[in-house]
Amino acid sequence: MNCHSPNPETKNILLSRLGWGEVSDPAWKPGSEENGVQCVSCHLRKGKIYGPFPKDWAKDRIFQNSNIPHQGFLPQKEFEESEFCKNCHQSPDTAKQVNGKFLMDTYDQWRRSGFADSNVQCQNCHMPDRKHEWKGISDAEMVKRGVQTSLQVLPKEEEAEIISELKNSGVGHSFPSYSVPKVYLEVWTESLTGKRKKISEKTLGWMLDLELQKEIFDTRLSPGESALLRVQISKEEFSKIKRVEFIVTVDPKEYYKRMFQDNWNYRDTFPEDTKLWVLPNLKKALEEANAAKYELARLEWKK
């Protein structure tokens, strides 16, 4: 809630619905309490509005207009530094760890990378030209700019070797960063008769159990690191193949899918007075998580 619903009004209404507290009189107009992250989440502190310095003081029209919104704002350099993102994208030093790793470690992943050394900030990629879109793992075009894929089929005298690669070439942190997304790599062959066969696969991600207590595996790629799938097949088997495919699929909400499904399976145990508003939202969340999976790349080799 501190990250996804940080404002008091949103916390108040959720706590009331759960029976954990009373709703205080909202300071905002009705309806705002239904929103999560809002403008004020980043720009309001102790009743004052803050923002980044203008790119060009002379050309920025907001400073030439006598009717400045919010009676103006206080410019702060922190709005264009990665540390501004740290509170919601980095676990504190005292936070829970699984197998010695913080659940949220994106800021430190960036800090340990060459991107930090080159002064490439989070905002440079996730807020280009100051756009408030914050695109990430759920956006295919964004991910394509951060990784490189390749497929090689190398015939030899007695065999053939198939080499597929995905490289974290342009992501300023681990790929993927959290335990939520997973990325699936698969190599398929198609025979002369049209029969398809999966010959290699690998999952990239940090797989944890639902209770966030146990690490199952961690195959995330650090910046500059590659995942290779190498398969050797006999000369006879290769002669029967007409096509090879390397398919990369991104499941941005894999952990959420498991969590929402587990909650849905036990929906009959929910308190009766919460079912009316919890179940429709849970069902919607599960549907959205299941629909989020997409194909990132499909490379093909033909004889």
Protein backbone atom coordinates (compact mmCIF):
# COMPACT_ATOMS: atom_id res chain seq x y z
CA MET A 1 0.00 0.00 0.00
CA ASN A 2 2.87 2.40 0.66
CA CYS A 3 3.89 2.06 -3.00
CA HIS A 4 0.63 1.35 -4.84
CA SER A 5 -1.78 3.38 -2.69
CA PRO A 6 0.42 5.83 -0.81
CA ASN A 7 -2.12 8.58 -0.20
CA PRO A 8 -4.08 8.68 3.09
CA GLU A 9 -7.48 8.73 1.37
CA THR A 10 -6.82 5.49 -0.48
CA LYS A 11 -5.52 3.78 2.63
CA ASN A 12 -8.50 4.94 4.68
CA ILE A 13 -11.11 3.46 2.37
CA LEU A 14 -9.28 0.13 2.04
CA LEU A 15 -8.80 -0.20 5.78
CA SER A 16 -12.50 0.56 6.31
CA ARG A 17 -13.60 -2.03 3.74
CA LEU A 18 -11.46 -4.63 5.47
CA GLY A 19 -12.91 -3.69 8.83
CA TRP A 20 -9.56 -2.49 10.13
CA GLY A 21 -10.42 1.16 10.70
CA GLU A 22 -12.81 4.04 10.19
CA VAL A 23 -12.81 6.38 7.21
CA SER A 24 -11.77 9.88 8.18
CA ASP A 25 -13.13 12.93 6.39
CA PRO A 26 -11.30 13.12 3.04
CA ALA A 27 -9.38 16.25 2.21
CA TRP A 28 -9.92 15.67 -1.52
CA LYS A 29 -13.00 15.67 -3.64
CA PRO A 30 -15.07 12.43 -3.59
CA GLY A 31 -13.78 9.76 -5.95
CA SER A 32 -10.08 10.43 -5.53
CA GLU A 33 -9.89 7.79 -2.84
CA GLU A 34 -10.43 5.12 -5.50
CA ASN A 35 -7.18 6.00 -7.27
CA GLY A 36 -3.77 4.58 -6.47
CA VAL A 37 -0.65 6.47 -7.51
CA GLN A 38 -1.63 10.05 -8.34
CA CYS A 39 0.18 13.30 -9.13
CA VAL A 40 0.43 14.12 -5.44
CA SER A 41 2.19 10.82 -4.71
CA CYS A 42 5.38 12.20 -6.21
CA HIS A 43 4.82 15.95 -6.32
CA LEU A 44 3.22 16.87 -2.96
CA ARG A 45 5.18 16.99 0.28
CA LYS A 46 3.88 18.72 3.43
CA GLY A 47 1.46 20.89 1.49
CA LYS A 48 4.01 22.07 -1.08
CA ILE A 49 4.25 21.15 -4.77
CA TYR A 50 7.62 20.06 -6.15
CA GLY A 51 8.86 19.18 -9.63
CA PRO A 52 11.96 18.98 -11.83
CA PHE A 53 13.90 21.96 -13.04
CA PRO A 54 12.74 23.15 -16.49
CA LYS A 55 14.81 21.95 -19.41
CA ASP A 56 15.12 25.53 -20.60
CA TRP A 57 14.09 28.36 -18.28
CA ALA A 58 13.85 30.86 -21.15
CA LYS A 59 11.58 28.68 -23.29
CA ASP A 60 9.46 27.00 -20.65
CA ARG A 61 6.08 28.69 -21.01
CA ILE A 62 4.87 27.78 -17.54
CA PHE A 63 7.27 30.33 -16.07
CA GLN A 64 6.10 33.04 -18.47
CA ASN A 65 2.42 32.59 -17.62
CA SER A 66 1.04 34.75 -14.82
CA ASN A 67 -1.63 32.12 -14.12
CA ILE A 68 0.73 29.39 -12.94
CA PRO A 69 -1.06 26.19 -11.74
CA HIS A 70 -0.83 25.44 -8.00
CA GLN A 71 0.74 28.87 -7.42
CA GLY A 72 3.92 27.51 -8.91
CA PHE A 73 6.13 24.68 -7.70
CA LEU A 74 9.54 24.24 -6.15
CA PRO A 75 12.10 22.74 -8.57
CA GLN A 76 14.27 19.93 -7.21
CA LYS A 77 17.11 18.11 -8.97
CA GLU A 78 16.10 14.81 -7.34
CA PHE A 79 13.26 14.37 -9.83
CA GLU A 80 15.80 13.35 -12.47
CA GLU A 81 17.89 11.06 -10.28
CA SER A 82 17.44 7.33 -9.79
CA GLU A 83 17.37 7.74 -6.04
CA PHE A 84 13.96 9.41 -6.39
CA CYS A 85 12.59 6.00 -7.45
CA LYS A 86 14.29 4.13 -4.62
CA ASN A 87 11.53 4.25 -1.99
CA CYS A 88 9.18 2.13 -4.12
CA HIS A 89 11.71 0.07 -6.05
CA GLN A 90 14.25 -0.91 -3.41
CA SER A 91 13.66 -2.76 -0.16
CA PRO A 92 15.15 -1.06 2.90
CA ASP A 93 18.16 -2.68 4.54
CA THR A 94 15.96 -4.07 7.33
CA ALA A 95 13.44 -5.65 4.94
CA LYS A 96 12.69 -9.31 4.39
CA GLN A 97 15.12 -11.33 2.29
CA VAL A 98 14.75 -14.66 0.53
CA ASN A 99 17.97 -16.63 0.17
CA GLY A 100 19.87 -13.47 1.03
CA LYS A 101 18.14 -11.34 -1.62
CA PHE A 102 15.75 -8.43 -1.18
CA LEU A 103 12.30 -8.81 -2.74
CA MET A 104 12.85 -5.42 -4.38
CA ASP A 105 16.43 -4.74 -5.44
CA THR A 106 16.09 -2.74 -8.64
CA TYR A 107 17.86 0.38 -7.41
CA ASP A 108 20.88 -1.55 -6.16
CA GLN A 109 20.94 -3.64 -9.35
CA TRP A 110 21.16 -0.36 -11.26
CA ARG A 111 23.73 1.08 -8.85
CA ARG A 112 26.02 -1.93 -9.37
CA SER A 113 25.73 -1.70 -13.15
CA GLY A 114 27.60 0.27 -15.76
CA PHE A 115 24.49 2.38 -16.30
CA ALA A 116 25.03 4.11 -12.97
CA ASP A 117 28.69 4.69 -13.83
CA SER A 118 27.59 6.25 -17.14
CA ASN A 119 25.03 8.47 -15.38
CA VAL A 120 22.06 6.80 -17.09
CA GLN A 121 19.20 7.29 -14.65
CA CYS A 122 15.94 5.33 -14.28
CA GLN A 123 14.08 8.31 -15.75
CA ASN A 124 16.14 8.23 -18.96
CA CYS A 125 14.54 4.93 -19.96
CA HIS A 126 11.25 4.84 -18.08
CA MET A 127 10.33 8.53 -18.46
CA PRO A 128 11.97 9.56 -21.77
CA ASP A 129 11.40 13.24 -22.55
CA ARG A 130 9.66 13.34 -19.13
CA LYS A 131 6.70 11.29 -20.35
CA HIS A 132 4.67 9.94 -17.42
CA GLU A 133 4.21 6.48 -18.95
CA TRP A 134 6.68 4.43 -16.87
CA LYS A 135 6.77 1.62 -19.40
CA GLY A 136 8.49 -1.59 -18.36
CA ILE A 137 8.23 -5.36 -18.63
CA SER A 138 4.56 -5.24 -19.73
CA ASP A 139 5.40 -3.19 -22.83
CA ALA A 140 6.84 -5.29 -25.68
CA GLU A 141 8.47 -2.40 -27.53
CA MET A 142 10.17 -1.23 -24.35
CA VAL A 143 11.56 -4.71 -23.68
CA LYS A 144 12.74 -5.13 -27.27
CA ARG A 145 14.92 -2.06 -26.84
CA GLY A 146 16.54 -3.64 -23.81
CA VAL A 147 17.45 -7.11 -25.08
CA GLN A 148 19.05 -8.73 -28.12
CA THR A 149 18.12 -12.14 -29.51
CA SER A 150 19.90 -14.34 -32.04
CA LEU A 151 19.60 -17.79 -33.60
CA GLN A 152 22.39 -19.71 -35.30
CA VAL A 153 22.21 -23.11 -36.97
CA LEU A 154 25.68 -24.47 -37.66
CA PRO A 155 25.91 -27.63 -39.80
CA LYS A 156 29.05 -29.69 -39.22
CA GLU A 157 30.47 -32.89 -40.67
CA GLU A 158 28.89 -35.34 -38.23
CA GLU A 159 26.31 -33.16 -36.48
CA ALA A 160 24.70 -29.74 -36.30
CA GLU A 161 24.62 -27.22 -33.49
CA ILE A 162 21.74 -24.86 -32.76
CA ILE A 163 22.63 -21.82 -30.66
CA SER A 164 19.95 -19.43 -29.38
CA GLU A 165 20.81 -16.40 -27.29
CA LEU A 166 19.00 -13.68 -25.37
CA LYS A 167 21.25 -10.91 -24.03
CA ASN A 168 20.43 -8.24 -21.47
CA SER A 169 22.03 -5.60 -23.64
CA GLY A 170 20.24 -2.43 -22.62
CA VAL A 171 18.34 -2.97 -19.36
CA GLY A 172 19.86 -1.02 -16.47
CA HIS A 173 19.09 -3.76 -13.93
CA SER A 174 18.51 -7.51 -13.84
CA PHE A 175 16.22 -8.92 -16.50
CA PRO A 176 13.63 -9.43 -15.20
CA SER A 177 14.15 -7.42 -12.03
CA TYR A 178 11.55 -8.79 -9.59
CA SER A 179 10.08 -12.19 -8.74
CA VAL A 180 6.82 -11.29 -10.53
CA PRO A 181 7.68 -11.61 -14.27
CA LYS A 182 9.05 -14.66 -16.06
CA VAL A 183 10.54 -14.91 -19.55
CA TYR A 184 10.35 -18.20 -21.44
CA LEU A 185 12.91 -19.24 -24.07
CA GLU A 186 12.04 -22.14 -26.37
CA VAL A 187 13.72 -23.75 -29.36
CA TRP A 188 11.48 -25.70 -31.74
CA THR A 189 12.22 -27.74 -34.85
CA GLU A 190 9.87 -28.63 -37.68
CA SER A 191 10.48 -31.77 -39.71
CA LEU A 192 10.02 -32.24 -43.44
CA THR A 193 6.69 -33.89 -42.64
CA GLY A 194 5.51 -30.85 -40.64
CA LYS A 195 5.94 -32.30 -37.16
CA ARG A 196 7.00 -29.71 -34.54
CA LYS A 197 9.19 -30.61 -31.58
CA LYS A 198 10.53 -28.57 -28.67
CA ILE A 199 14.22 -29.39 -28.28
CA SER A 200 15.29 -26.88 -25.62
CA GLU A 201 13.78 -24.45 -23.13
CA LYS A 202 14.78 -22.15 -20.29
CA THR A 203 12.92 -19.83 -17.92
CA LEU A 204 14.43 -16.50 -16.92
CA GLY A 205 13.30 -15.05 -13.62
CA TRP A 206 13.31 -15.33 -9.86
CA MET A 207 10.88 -18.06 -8.91
CA LEU A 208 9.58 -17.95 -5.34
CA ASP A 209 6.83 -19.87 -3.61
CA LEU A 210 3.48 -18.15 -3.00
CA GLU A 211 4.37 -17.34 0.61
CA LEU A 212 7.61 -15.59 -0.48
CA GLN A 213 9.59 -17.85 1.86
CA LYS A 214 11.52 -20.11 -0.48
CA GLU A 215 13.58 -19.57 -3.63
CA ILE A 216 12.95 -22.21 -6.29
CA PHE A 217 15.44 -20.82 -8.82
CA ASP A 218 17.05 -17.55 -9.89
CA THR A 219 18.03 -17.26 -13.55
CA ARG A 220 17.80 -13.48 -13.97
CA LEU A 221 20.32 -11.84 -16.28
CA SER A 222 22.51 -9.03 -14.98
CA PRO A 223 23.22 -6.14 -17.39
CA GLY A 224 25.37 -7.46 -20.23
CA GLU A 225 24.73 -11.12 -19.35
CA SER A 226 23.34 -13.67 -21.84
CA ALA A 227 21.26 -16.82 -21.68
CA LEU A 228 22.38 -19.45 -24.20
CA LEU A 229 20.50 -22.51 -25.39
CA ARG A 230 22.87 -24.85 -27.22
CA VAL A 231 21.58 -28.05 -28.80
CA GLN A 232 23.58 -30.60 -30.76
CA ILE A 233 21.76 -32.97 -33.08
CA SER A 234 23.00 -35.78 -35.26
CA LYS A 235 23.62 -35.40 -38.96
CA GLU A 236 20.76 -37.81 -39.69
CA GLU A 237 18.30 -35.90 -37.50
CA PHE A 238 19.37 -32.59 -39.00
CA SER A 239 18.71 -33.89 -42.49
CA LYS A 240 15.04 -34.34 -41.56
CA ILE A 241 14.61 -30.75 -40.29
CA LYS A 242 13.29 -27.99 -42.53
CA ARG A 243 12.90 -25.20 -39.97
CA VAL A 244 14.17 -24.08 -36.55
CA GLU A 245 12.44 -21.46 -34.38
CA PHE A 246 13.63 -19.55 -31.31
CA ILE A 247 10.61 -18.15 -29.43
CA VAL A 248 10.78 -15.69 -26.55
CA THR A 249 7.61 -15.19 -24.48
CA VAL A 250 7.18 -12.70 -21.63
CA ASP A 251 4.79 -13.38 -18.77
CA PRO A 252 4.92 -10.05 -16.89
CA LYS A 253 2.56 -11.10 -14.08
CA GLU A 254 3.46 -14.75 -13.56
CA TYR A 255 3.66 -14.56 -9.77
CA TYR A 256 0.43 -12.53 -9.58
CA LYS A 257 -1.31 -15.19 -11.67
CA ARG A 258 -0.39 -17.86 -9.15
CA MET A 259 -1.30 -15.65 -6.20
CA PHE A 260 -4.67 -14.47 -7.59
CA GLN A 261 -5.58 -18.01 -8.65
CA ASP A 262 -4.78 -19.37 -5.20
CA ASN A 263 -6.96 -16.67 -3.61
CA TRP A 264 -9.75 -17.40 -6.09
CA ASN A 265 -9.61 -21.11 -5.25
CA TYR A 266 -10.26 -20.23 -1.59
CA ARG A 267 -12.84 -17.50 -2.23
CA ASP A 268 -15.52 -19.34 -0.26
CA THR A 269 -13.49 -18.80 2.91
CA PHE A 270 -13.55 -14.98 2.60
CA PRO A 271 -15.60 -13.04 5.18
CA GLU A 272 -19.11 -12.57 3.85
CA ASP A 273 -19.10 -8.80 4.29
CA THR A 274 -16.05 -8.44 2.02
CA LYS A 275 -17.05 -10.78 -0.80
CA LEU A 276 -19.27 -8.23 -2.52
CA TRP A 277 -16.37 -5.91 -3.37
CA VAL A 278 -13.39 -8.27 -3.12
CA LEU A 279 -14.51 -11.00 -5.52
CA PRO A 280 -15.28 -8.81 -8.59
CA ASN A 281 -11.92 -7.07 -8.21
CA LEU A 282 -10.07 -10.33 -7.64
CA LYS A 283 -11.69 -11.87 -10.71
CA LYS A 284 -10.77 -8.83 -12.80
CA ALA A 285 -7.18 -8.91 -11.51
CA LEU A 286 -6.87 -12.60 -12.38
CA GLU A 287 -8.25 -12.05 -15.88
CA GLU A 288 -5.89 -9.13 -16.51
CA ALA A 289 -2.88 -11.08 -15.23
CA ASN A 290 -3.72 -14.07 -17.45
CA ALA A 291 -4.10 -11.80 -20.48
CA ALA A 292 -0.77 -10.02 -19.98
CA LYS A 293 1.44 -12.72 -21.54
CA TYR A 294 2.89 -11.85 -24.96
CA GLU A 295 5.37 -13.06 -27.54
CA LEU A 296 8.48 -10.89 -27.60
CA ALA A 297 10.46 -12.46 -30.42
CA ARG A 298 10.31 -15.31 -32.92
CA LEU A 299 13.47 -16.01 -34.91
CA GLU A 300 13.41 -18.52 -37.74
CA TRP A 301 15.96 -20.52 -39.69
CA LYS A 302 15.01 -22.43 -42.86
CA LYS A 303 16.88 -24.81 -45.06
